[in-house]
Amino acid sequence: MTTRPAVVLTPCPDGPILVRGDVEIRDAAGRAVPRRRATVALCRCGASGIKPFCDGSHKAIGFRTDDEVPRPPEPVPGGDPR
């Protein structure tokens, strides 16, 4: 049987990061930010009027992300994972 991760982050091309799962989001002061849905979209363009959530502003400002998805480094046998 395969277990599913408790939290899944999905970066959308030229858009927000979708957050699915049991996660608490906090503001800069450490206060919990209420979630109204099981899946939320977090702004990464910086232009949202409802930060930390996405309001679609990335479309209006022409926000673009890199085409390539960063990959974690390959583990080195017997080496430090950092």
PDB file of N, CA and C in Angstrom:
ATOM      1  N   MET A   1       0.837  -1.172   0.000  1.00  0.00           N
ATOM      2  CA  MET A   1       0.000   0.000   0.000  1.00  0.00           C
ATOM      3  C   MET A   1       0.889   1.244   0.000  1.00  0.00           C
ATOM      4  N   THR A   2       0.526   2.239  -0.805  1.00  0.00           N
ATOM      5  CA  THR A   2       1.269   3.485  -0.897  1.00  0.00           C
ATOM      6  C   THR A   2       0.617   4.529   0.003  1.00  0.00           C
ATOM      7  N   THR A   3       1.430   5.201   0.811  1.00  0.00           N
ATOM      8  CA  THR A   3       0.892   6.269   1.645  1.00  0.00           C
ATOM      9  C   THR A   3       1.060   7.595   0.933  1.00  0.00           C
ATOM     10  N   ARG A   4       0.099   8.472   1.117  1.00  0.00           N
ATOM     11  CA  ARG A   4       0.155   9.792   0.501  1.00  0.00           C
ATOM     12  C   ARG A   4       0.765  10.777   1.485  1.00  0.00           C
ATOM     13  N   PRO A   5       1.520  11.741   0.993  1.00  0.00           N
ATOM     14  CA  PRO A   5       2.096  12.730   1.894  1.00  0.00           C
ATOM     15  C   PRO A   5       0.996  13.567   2.550  1.00  0.00           C
ATOM     16  N   ALA A   6       1.257  14.032   3.761  1.00  0.00           N
ATOM     17  CA  ALA A   6       0.279  14.840   4.489  1.00  0.00           C
ATOM     18  C   ALA A   6       0.074  16.200   3.832  1.00  0.00           C
ATOM     19  N   VAL A   7       1.128  16.740   3.229  1.00  0.00           N
ATOM     20  CA  VAL A   7       1.057  18.052   2.588  1.00  0.00           C
ATOM     21  C   VAL A   7       1.708  17.957   1.216  1.00  0.00           C
ATOM     22  N   VAL A   8       1.057  18.561   0.211  1.00  0.00           N
ATOM     23  CA  VAL A   8       1.604  18.584  -1.144  1.00  0.00           C
ATOM     24  C   VAL A   8       1.645  20.034  -1.619  1.00  0.00           C
ATOM     25  N   LEU A   9       2.824  20.475  -2.068  1.00  0.00           N
ATOM     26  CA  LEU A   9       2.999  21.812  -2.640  1.00  0.00           C
ATOM     27  C   LEU A   9       3.186  21.668  -4.138  1.00  0.00           C
ATOM     28  N   THR A  10       2.379  22.400  -4.916  1.00  0.00           N
ATOM     29  CA  THR A  10       2.456  22.321  -6.366  1.00  0.00           C
ATOM     30  C   THR A  10       2.633  23.718  -6.948  1.00  0.00           C
ATOM     31  N   PRO A  11       3.830  24.039  -7.475  1.00  0.00           N
ATOM     32  CA  PRO A  11       4.006  25.345  -8.102  1.00  0.00           C
ATOM     33  C   PRO A  11       3.315  25.374  -9.461  1.00  0.00           C
ATOM     34  N   CYS A  12       2.479  26.376  -9.677  1.00  0.00           N
ATOM     35  CA  CYS A  12       1.799  26.535 -10.962  1.00  0.00           C
ATOM     36  C   CYS A  12       2.673  27.394 -11.871  1.00  0.00           C
ATOM     37  N   PRO A  13       2.812  27.010 -13.137  1.00  0.00           N
ATOM     38  CA  PRO A  13       3.616  27.822 -14.051  1.00  0.00           C
ATOM     39  C   PRO A  13       3.090  29.261 -14.092  1.00  0.00           C
ATOM     40  N   ASP A  14       3.963  30.220 -13.889  1.00  0.00           N
ATOM     41  CA  ASP A  14       3.629  31.647 -13.929  1.00  0.00           C
ATOM     42  C   ASP A  14       2.518  32.024 -12.953  1.00  0.00           C
ATOM     43  N   GLY A  15       2.380  31.265 -11.867  1.00  0.00           N
ATOM     44  CA  GLY A  15       1.307  31.543 -10.915  1.00  0.00           C
ATOM     45  C   GLY A  15       1.662  31.169  -9.496  1.00  0.00           C
ATOM     46  N   PRO A  16       0.637  30.870  -8.705  1.00  0.00           N
ATOM     47  CA  PRO A  16       0.832  30.612  -7.279  1.00  0.00           C
ATOM     48  C   PRO A  16       1.385  29.225  -6.988  1.00  0.00           C
ATOM     49  N   ILE A  17       1.585  28.975  -5.705  1.00  0.00           N
ATOM     50  CA  ILE A  17       1.911  27.633  -5.222  1.00  0.00           C
ATOM     51  C   ILE A  17       0.649  27.095  -4.571  1.00  0.00           C
ATOM     52  N   LEU A  18       0.160  25.960  -5.064  1.00  0.00           N
ATOM     53  CA  LEU A  18      -1.007  25.324  -4.466  1.00  0.00           C
ATOM     54  C   LEU A  18      -0.557  24.494  -3.280  1.00  0.00           C
ATOM     55  N   VAL A  19      -1.273  24.617  -2.172  1.00  0.00           N
ATOM     56  CA  VAL A  19      -0.965  23.883  -0.947  1.00  0.00           C
ATOM     57  C   VAL A  19      -2.164  23.008  -0.623  1.00  0.00           C
ATOM     58  N   ARG A  20      -1.926  21.692  -0.617  1.00  0.00           N
ATOM     59  CA  ARG A  20      -2.980  20.731  -0.291  1.00  0.00           C
ATOM     60  C   ARG A  20      -2.566  19.970   0.951  1.00  0.00           C
ATOM     61  N   GLY A  21      -3.510  19.770   1.853  1.00  0.00           N
ATOM     62  CA  GLY A  21      -3.226  18.952   3.016  1.00  0.00           C
ATOM     63  C   GLY A  21      -3.339  19.705   4.322  1.00  0.00           C
ATOM     64  N   ASP A  22      -2.992  19.006   5.379  1.00  0.00           N
ATOM     65  CA  ASP A  22      -3.121  19.517   6.737  1.00  0.00           C
ATOM     66  C   ASP A  22      -1.903  20.360   7.097  1.00  0.00           C
ATOM     67  N   VAL A  23      -1.997  21.649   6.859  1.00  0.00           N
ATOM     68  CA  VAL A  23      -0.893  22.565   7.134  1.00  0.00           C
ATOM     69  C   VAL A  23      -1.463  23.851   7.732  1.00  0.00           C
ATOM     70  N   GLU A  24      -0.734  24.421   8.678  1.00  0.00           N
ATOM     71  CA  GLU A  24      -1.138  25.698   9.261  1.00  0.00           C
ATOM     72  C   GLU A  24      -0.281  26.788   8.649  1.00  0.00           C
ATOM     73  N   ILE A  25      -0.923  27.840   8.174  1.00  0.00           N
ATOM     74  CA  ILE A  25      -0.220  28.969   7.575  1.00  0.00           C
ATOM     75  C   ILE A  25      -0.192  30.089   8.608  1.00  0.00           C
ATOM     76  N   ARG A  26       0.988  30.695   8.786  1.00  0.00           N
ATOM     77  CA  ARG A  26       1.146  31.782   9.765  1.00  0.00           C
ATOM     78  C   ARG A  26       1.644  33.042   9.066  1.00  0.00           C
ATOM     79  N   ASP A  27       1.261  34.182   9.626  1.00  0.00           N
ATOM     80  CA  ASP A  27       1.740  35.451   9.081  1.00  0.00           C
ATOM     81  C   ASP A  27       3.110  35.782   9.678  1.00  0.00           C
ATOM     82  N   ALA A  28       3.659  36.937   9.303  1.00  0.00           N
ATOM     83  CA  ALA A  28       5.005  37.307   9.751  1.00  0.00           C
ATOM     84  C   ALA A  28       5.104  37.457  11.266  1.00  0.00           C
ATOM     85  N   ALA A  29       3.981  37.736  11.921  1.00  0.00           N
ATOM     86  CA  ALA A  29       3.973  37.882  13.381  1.00  0.00           C
ATOM     87  C   ALA A  29       3.748  36.552  14.095  1.00  0.00           C
ATOM     88  N   GLY A  30       3.578  35.481  13.318  1.00  0.00           N
ATOM     89  CA  GLY A  30       3.391  34.161  13.911  1.00  0.00           C
ATOM     90  C   GLY A  30       1.949  33.788  14.193  1.00  0.00           C
ATOM     91  N   ARG A  31       1.008  34.638  13.787  1.00  0.00           N
ATOM     92  CA  ARG A  31      -0.408  34.340  13.992  1.00  0.00           C
ATOM     93  C   ARG A  31      -0.923  33.423  12.894  1.00  0.00           C
ATOM     94  N   ALA A  32      -1.764  32.460  13.275  1.00  0.00           N
ATOM     95  CA  ALA A  32      -2.350  31.546  12.295  1.00  0.00           C
ATOM     96  C   ALA A  32      -3.271  32.322  11.358  1.00  0.00           C
ATOM     97  N   VAL A  33      -3.162  32.035  10.061  1.00  0.00           N
ATOM     98  CA  VAL A  33      -4.014  32.650   9.045  1.00  0.00           C
ATOM     99  C   VAL A  33      -5.125  31.652   8.735  1.00  0.00           C
ATOM    100  N   PRO A  34      -6.390  32.040   8.923  1.00  0.00           N
ATOM    101  CA  PRO A  34      -7.489  31.102   8.675  1.00  0.00           C
ATOM    102  C   PRO A  34      -7.544  30.654   7.220  1.00  0.00           C
ATOM    103  N   ARG A  35      -7.826  29.378   7.039  1.00  0.00           N
ATOM    104  CA  ARG A  35      -8.008  28.809   5.697  1.00  0.00           C
ATOM    105  C   ARG A  35      -9.479  28.502   5.514  1.00  0.00           C
ATOM    106  N   ARG A  36     -10.001  28.827   4.340  1.00  0.00           N
ATOM    107  CA  ARG A  36     -11.407  28.547   4.057  1.00  0.00           C
ATOM    108  C   ARG A  36     -11.584  27.305   3.200  1.00  0.00           C
ATOM    109  N   ARG A  37     -10.477  26.784   2.683  1.00  0.00           N
ATOM    110  CA  ARG A  37     -10.538  25.621   1.789  1.00  0.00           C
ATOM    111  C   ARG A  37      -9.443  24.632   2.149  1.00  0.00           C
ATOM    112  N   ALA A  38      -9.619  23.395   1.701  1.00  0.00           N
ATOM    113  CA  ALA A  38      -8.595  22.368   1.928  1.00  0.00           C
ATOM    114  C   ALA A  38      -7.368  22.625   1.056  1.00  0.00           C
ATOM    115  N   THR A  39      -7.576  23.212  -0.129  1.00  0.00           N
ATOM    116  CA  THR A  39      -6.479  23.580  -1.025  1.00  0.00           C
ATOM    117  C   THR A  39      -6.456  25.094  -1.132  1.00  0.00           C
ATOM    118  N   VAL A  40      -5.289  25.687  -0.913  1.00  0.00           N
ATOM    119  CA  VAL A  40      -5.158  27.140  -1.030  1.00  0.00           C
ATOM    120  C   VAL A  40      -4.044  27.471  -2.011  1.00  0.00           C
ATOM    121  N   ALA A  41      -4.131  28.661  -2.596  1.00  0.00           N
ATOM    122  CA  ALA A  41      -3.114  29.144  -3.526  1.00  0.00           C
ATOM    123  C   ALA A  41      -2.348  30.269  -2.845  1.00  0.00           C
ATOM    124  N   LEU A  42      -1.038  30.078  -2.688  1.00  0.00           N
ATOM    125  CA  LEU A  42      -0.191  31.092  -2.067  1.00  0.00           C
ATOM    126  C   LEU A  42       0.481  31.944  -3.139  1.00  0.00           C
ATOM    127  N   CYS A  43       0.430  33.260  -2.942  1.00  0.00           N
ATOM    128  CA  CYS A  43       1.034  34.205  -3.874  1.00  0.00           C
ATOM    129  C   CYS A  43       2.546  34.054  -3.879  1.00  0.00           C
ATOM    130  N   ARG A  44       3.137  34.114  -5.056  1.00  0.00           N
ATOM    131  CA  ARG A  44       4.597  34.188  -5.125  1.00  0.00           C
ATOM    132  C   ARG A  44       5.066  35.307  -6.042  1.00  0.00           C
ATOM    133  N   CYS A  45       4.101  36.099  -6.569  1.00  0.00           N
ATOM    134  CA  CYS A  45       4.495  37.235  -7.403  1.00  0.00           C
ATOM    135  C   CYS A  45       4.673  38.503  -6.576  1.00  0.00           C
ATOM    136  N   GLY A  46       4.083  38.543  -5.382  1.00  0.00           N
ATOM    137  CA  GLY A  46       4.198  39.699  -4.506  1.00  0.00           C
ATOM    138  C   GLY A  46       3.153  40.775  -4.729  1.00  0.00           C
ATOM    139  N   ALA A  47       2.269  40.614  -5.713  1.00  0.00           N
ATOM    140  CA  ALA A  47       1.310  41.663  -6.047  1.00  0.00           C
ATOM    141  C   ALA A  47      -0.094  41.438  -5.486  1.00  0.00           C
ATOM    142  N   SER A  48      -0.333  40.326  -4.832  1.00  0.00           N
ATOM    143  CA  SER A  48      -1.672  40.009  -4.332  1.00  0.00           C
ATOM    144  C   SER A  48      -2.136  41.021  -3.291  1.00  0.00           C
ATOM    145  N   GLY A  49      -3.416  41.338  -3.334  1.00  0.00           N
ATOM    146  CA  GLY A  49      -4.012  42.215  -2.338  1.00  0.00           C
ATOM    147  C   GLY A  49      -4.519  41.462  -1.127  1.00  0.00           C
ATOM    148  N   ILE A  50      -4.419  40.123  -1.162  1.00  0.00           N
ATOM    149  CA  ILE A  50      -4.899  39.301  -0.044  1.00  0.00           C
ATOM    150  C   ILE A  50      -3.801  38.355   0.439  1.00  0.00           C
ATOM    151  N   LYS A  51      -2.575  38.859   0.469  1.00  0.00           N
ATOM    152  CA  LYS A  51      -1.432  38.037   0.892  1.00  0.00           C
ATOM    153  C   LYS A  51      -1.724  37.365   2.225  1.00  0.00           C
ATOM    154  N   PRO A  52      -1.312  36.159   2.429  1.00  0.00           N
ATOM    155  CA  PRO A  52      -0.379  35.383   1.624  1.00  0.00           C
ATOM    156  C   PRO A  52      -1.042  34.639   0.467  1.00  0.00           C
ATOM    157  N   PHE A  53      -2.362  34.839   0.297  1.00  0.00           N
ATOM    158  CA  PHE A  53      -3.085  34.087  -0.720  1.00  0.00           C
ATOM    159  C   PHE A  53      -3.034  34.785  -2.076  1.00  0.00           C
ATOM    160  N   CYS A  54      -3.211  34.016  -3.119  1.00  0.00           N
ATOM    161  CA  CYS A  54      -3.205  34.522  -4.492  1.00  0.00           C
ATOM    162  C   CYS A  54      -4.570  35.125  -4.821  1.00  0.00           C
ATOM    163  N   ASP A  55      -4.558  36.270  -5.509  1.00  0.00           N
ATOM    164  CA  ASP A  55      -5.807  36.866  -5.986  1.00  0.00           C
ATOM    165  C   ASP A  55      -5.821  36.995  -7.507  1.00  0.00           C
ATOM    166  N   GLY A  56      -4.859  36.370  -8.175  1.00  0.00           N
ATOM    167  CA  GLY A  56      -4.796  36.412  -9.634  1.00  0.00           C
ATOM    168  C   GLY A  56      -3.994  37.579 -10.185  1.00  0.00           C
ATOM    169  N   SER A  57      -3.405  38.400  -9.320  1.00  0.00           N
ATOM    170  CA  SER A  57      -2.641  39.570  -9.771  1.00  0.00           C
ATOM    171  C   SER A  57      -1.471  39.202 -10.665  1.00  0.00           C
ATOM    172  N   HIS A  58      -0.957  37.981 -10.530  1.00  0.00           N
ATOM    173  CA  HIS A  58       0.187  37.560 -11.346  1.00  0.00           C
ATOM    174  C   HIS A  58      -0.118  37.676 -12.837  1.00  0.00           C
ATOM    175  N   LYS A  59      -1.378  37.484 -13.211  1.00  0.00           N
ATOM    176  CA  LYS A  59      -1.753  37.593 -14.627  1.00  0.00           C
ATOM    177  C   LYS A  59      -1.650  39.037 -15.101  1.00  0.00           C
ATOM    178  N   ALA A  60      -2.124  39.975 -14.270  1.00  0.00           N
ATOM    179  CA  ALA A  60      -2.130  41.388 -14.648  1.00  0.00           C
ATOM    180  C   ALA A  60      -0.724  41.971 -14.759  1.00  0.00           C
ATOM    181  N   ILE A  61       0.207  41.482 -13.927  1.00  0.00           N
ATOM    182  CA  ILE A  61       1.563  42.050 -13.952  1.00  0.00           C
ATOM    183  C   ILE A  61       2.520  41.269 -14.849  1.00  0.00           C
ATOM    184  N   GLY A  62       2.033  40.169 -15.431  1.00  0.00           N
ATOM    185  CA  GLY A  62       2.890  39.382 -16.321  1.00  0.00           C
ATOM    186  C   GLY A  62       3.956  38.592 -15.597  1.00  0.00           C
ATOM    187  N   PHE A  63       3.655  38.151 -14.372  1.00  0.00           N
ATOM    188  CA  PHE A  63       4.617  37.367 -13.590  1.00  0.00           C
ATOM    189  C   PHE A  63       5.013  36.105 -14.345  1.00  0.00           C
ATOM    190  N   ARG A  64       6.297  35.814 -14.369  1.00  0.00           N
ATOM    191  CA  ARG A  64       6.811  34.624 -15.053  1.00  0.00           C
ATOM    192  C   ARG A  64       7.734  33.853 -14.123  1.00  0.00           C
ATOM    193  N   THR A  65       7.653  32.539 -14.221  1.00  0.00           N
ATOM    194  CA  THR A  65       8.537  31.667 -13.458  1.00  0.00           C
ATOM    195  C   THR A  65       9.527  31.023 -14.412  1.00  0.00           C
ATOM    196  N   ASP A  66      10.555  30.415 -13.839  1.00  0.00           N
ATOM    197  CA  ASP A  66      11.513  29.688 -14.659  1.00  0.00           C
ATOM    198  C   ASP A  66      10.815  28.517 -15.323  1.00  0.00           C
ATOM    199  N   ASP A  67      11.267  28.165 -16.520  1.00  0.00           N
ATOM    200  CA  ASP A  67      10.689  27.022 -17.225  1.00  0.00           C
ATOM    201  C   ASP A  67      11.076  25.706 -16.584  1.00  0.00           C
ATOM    202  N   GLU A  68      12.260  25.663 -16.000  1.00  0.00           N
ATOM    203  CA  GLU A  68      12.747  24.410 -15.431  1.00  0.00           C
ATOM    204  C   GLU A  68      12.385  24.298 -13.962  1.00  0.00           C
ATOM    205  N   VAL A  69      11.991  23.104 -13.574  1.00  0.00           N
ATOM    206  CA  VAL A  69      11.689  22.824 -12.175  1.00  0.00           C
ATOM    207  C   VAL A  69      12.990  22.447 -11.490  1.00  0.00           C
ATOM    208  N   PRO A  70      13.335  23.139 -10.385  1.00  0.00           N
ATOM    209  CA  PRO A  70      14.573  22.771  -9.695  1.00  0.00           C
ATOM    210  C   PRO A  70      14.496  21.362  -9.139  1.00  0.00           C
ATOM    211  N   ARG A  71      15.558  20.641  -9.255  1.00  0.00           N
ATOM    212  CA  ARG A  71      15.624  19.271  -8.751  1.00  0.00           C
ATOM    213  C   ARG A  71      16.583  19.223  -7.573  1.00  0.00           C
ATOM    214  N   PRO A  72      16.263  18.416  -6.568  1.00  0.00           N
ATOM    215  CA  PRO A  72      17.201  18.288  -5.449  1.00  0.00           C
ATOM    216  C   PRO A  72      18.484  17.625  -5.919  1.00  0.00           C
ATOM    217  N   PRO A  73      19.598  17.918  -5.250  1.00  0.00           N
ATOM    218  CA  PRO A  73      20.857  17.280  -5.650  1.00  0.00           C
ATOM    219  C   PRO A  73      20.790  15.776  -5.439  1.00  0.00           C
ATOM    220  N   GLU A  74      21.515  15.062  -6.268  1.00  0.00           N
ATOM    221  CA  GLU A  74      21.584  13.607  -6.127  1.00  0.00           C
ATOM    222  C   GLU A  74      22.343  13.263  -4.855  1.00  0.00           C
ATOM    223  N   PRO A  75      21.852  12.288  -4.099  1.00  0.00           N
ATOM    224  CA  PRO A  75      22.576  11.903  -2.882  1.00  0.00           C
ATOM    225  C   PRO A  75      23.929  11.286  -3.217  1.00  0.00           C
ATOM    226  N   VAL A  76      24.894  11.590  -2.383  1.00  0.00           N
ATOM    227  CA  VAL A  76      26.230  11.030  -2.533  1.00  0.00           C
ATOM    228  C   VAL A  76      26.337   9.860  -1.566  1.00  0.00           C
ATOM    229  N   PRO A  77      26.633   8.653  -2.067  1.00  0.00           N
ATOM    230  CA  PRO A  77      26.728   7.503  -1.163  1.00  0.00           C
ATOM    231  C   PRO A  77      27.710   7.776  -0.030  1.00  0.00           C
ATOM    232  N   GLY A  78      27.221   7.657   1.199  1.00  0.00           N
ATOM    233  CA  GLY A  78      28.070   7.864   2.367  1.00  0.00           C
ATOM    234  C   GLY A  78      28.392   9.313   2.637  1.00  0.00           C
ATOM    235  N   GLY A  79      27.803  10.227   1.852  1.00  0.00           N
ATOM    236  CA  GLY A  79      28.114  11.641   2.021  1.00  0.00           C
ATOM    237  C   GLY A  79      27.052  12.372   2.805  1.00  0.00           C
ATOM    238  N   ASP A  80      27.349  13.624   3.092  1.00  0.00           N
ATOM    239  CA  ASP A  80      26.421  14.496   3.793  1.00  0.00           C
ATOM    240  C   ASP A  80      25.287  14.848   2.832  1.00  0.00           C
ATOM    241  N   PRO A  81      24.011  14.704   3.244  1.00  0.00           N
ATOM    242  CA  PRO A  81      22.902  14.968   2.333  1.00  0.00           C
ATOM    243  C   PRO A  81      22.702  16.438   2.008  1.00  0.00           C
ATOM    244  N   ARG A  82      23.441  17.344   2.642  1.00  0.00           N
ATOM    245  CA  ARG A  82      23.259  18.772   2.359  1.00  0.00           C
ATOM    246  C   ARG A  82      23.875  19.110   1.090  1.00  0.00           C
TER     247      ARG A  82
END
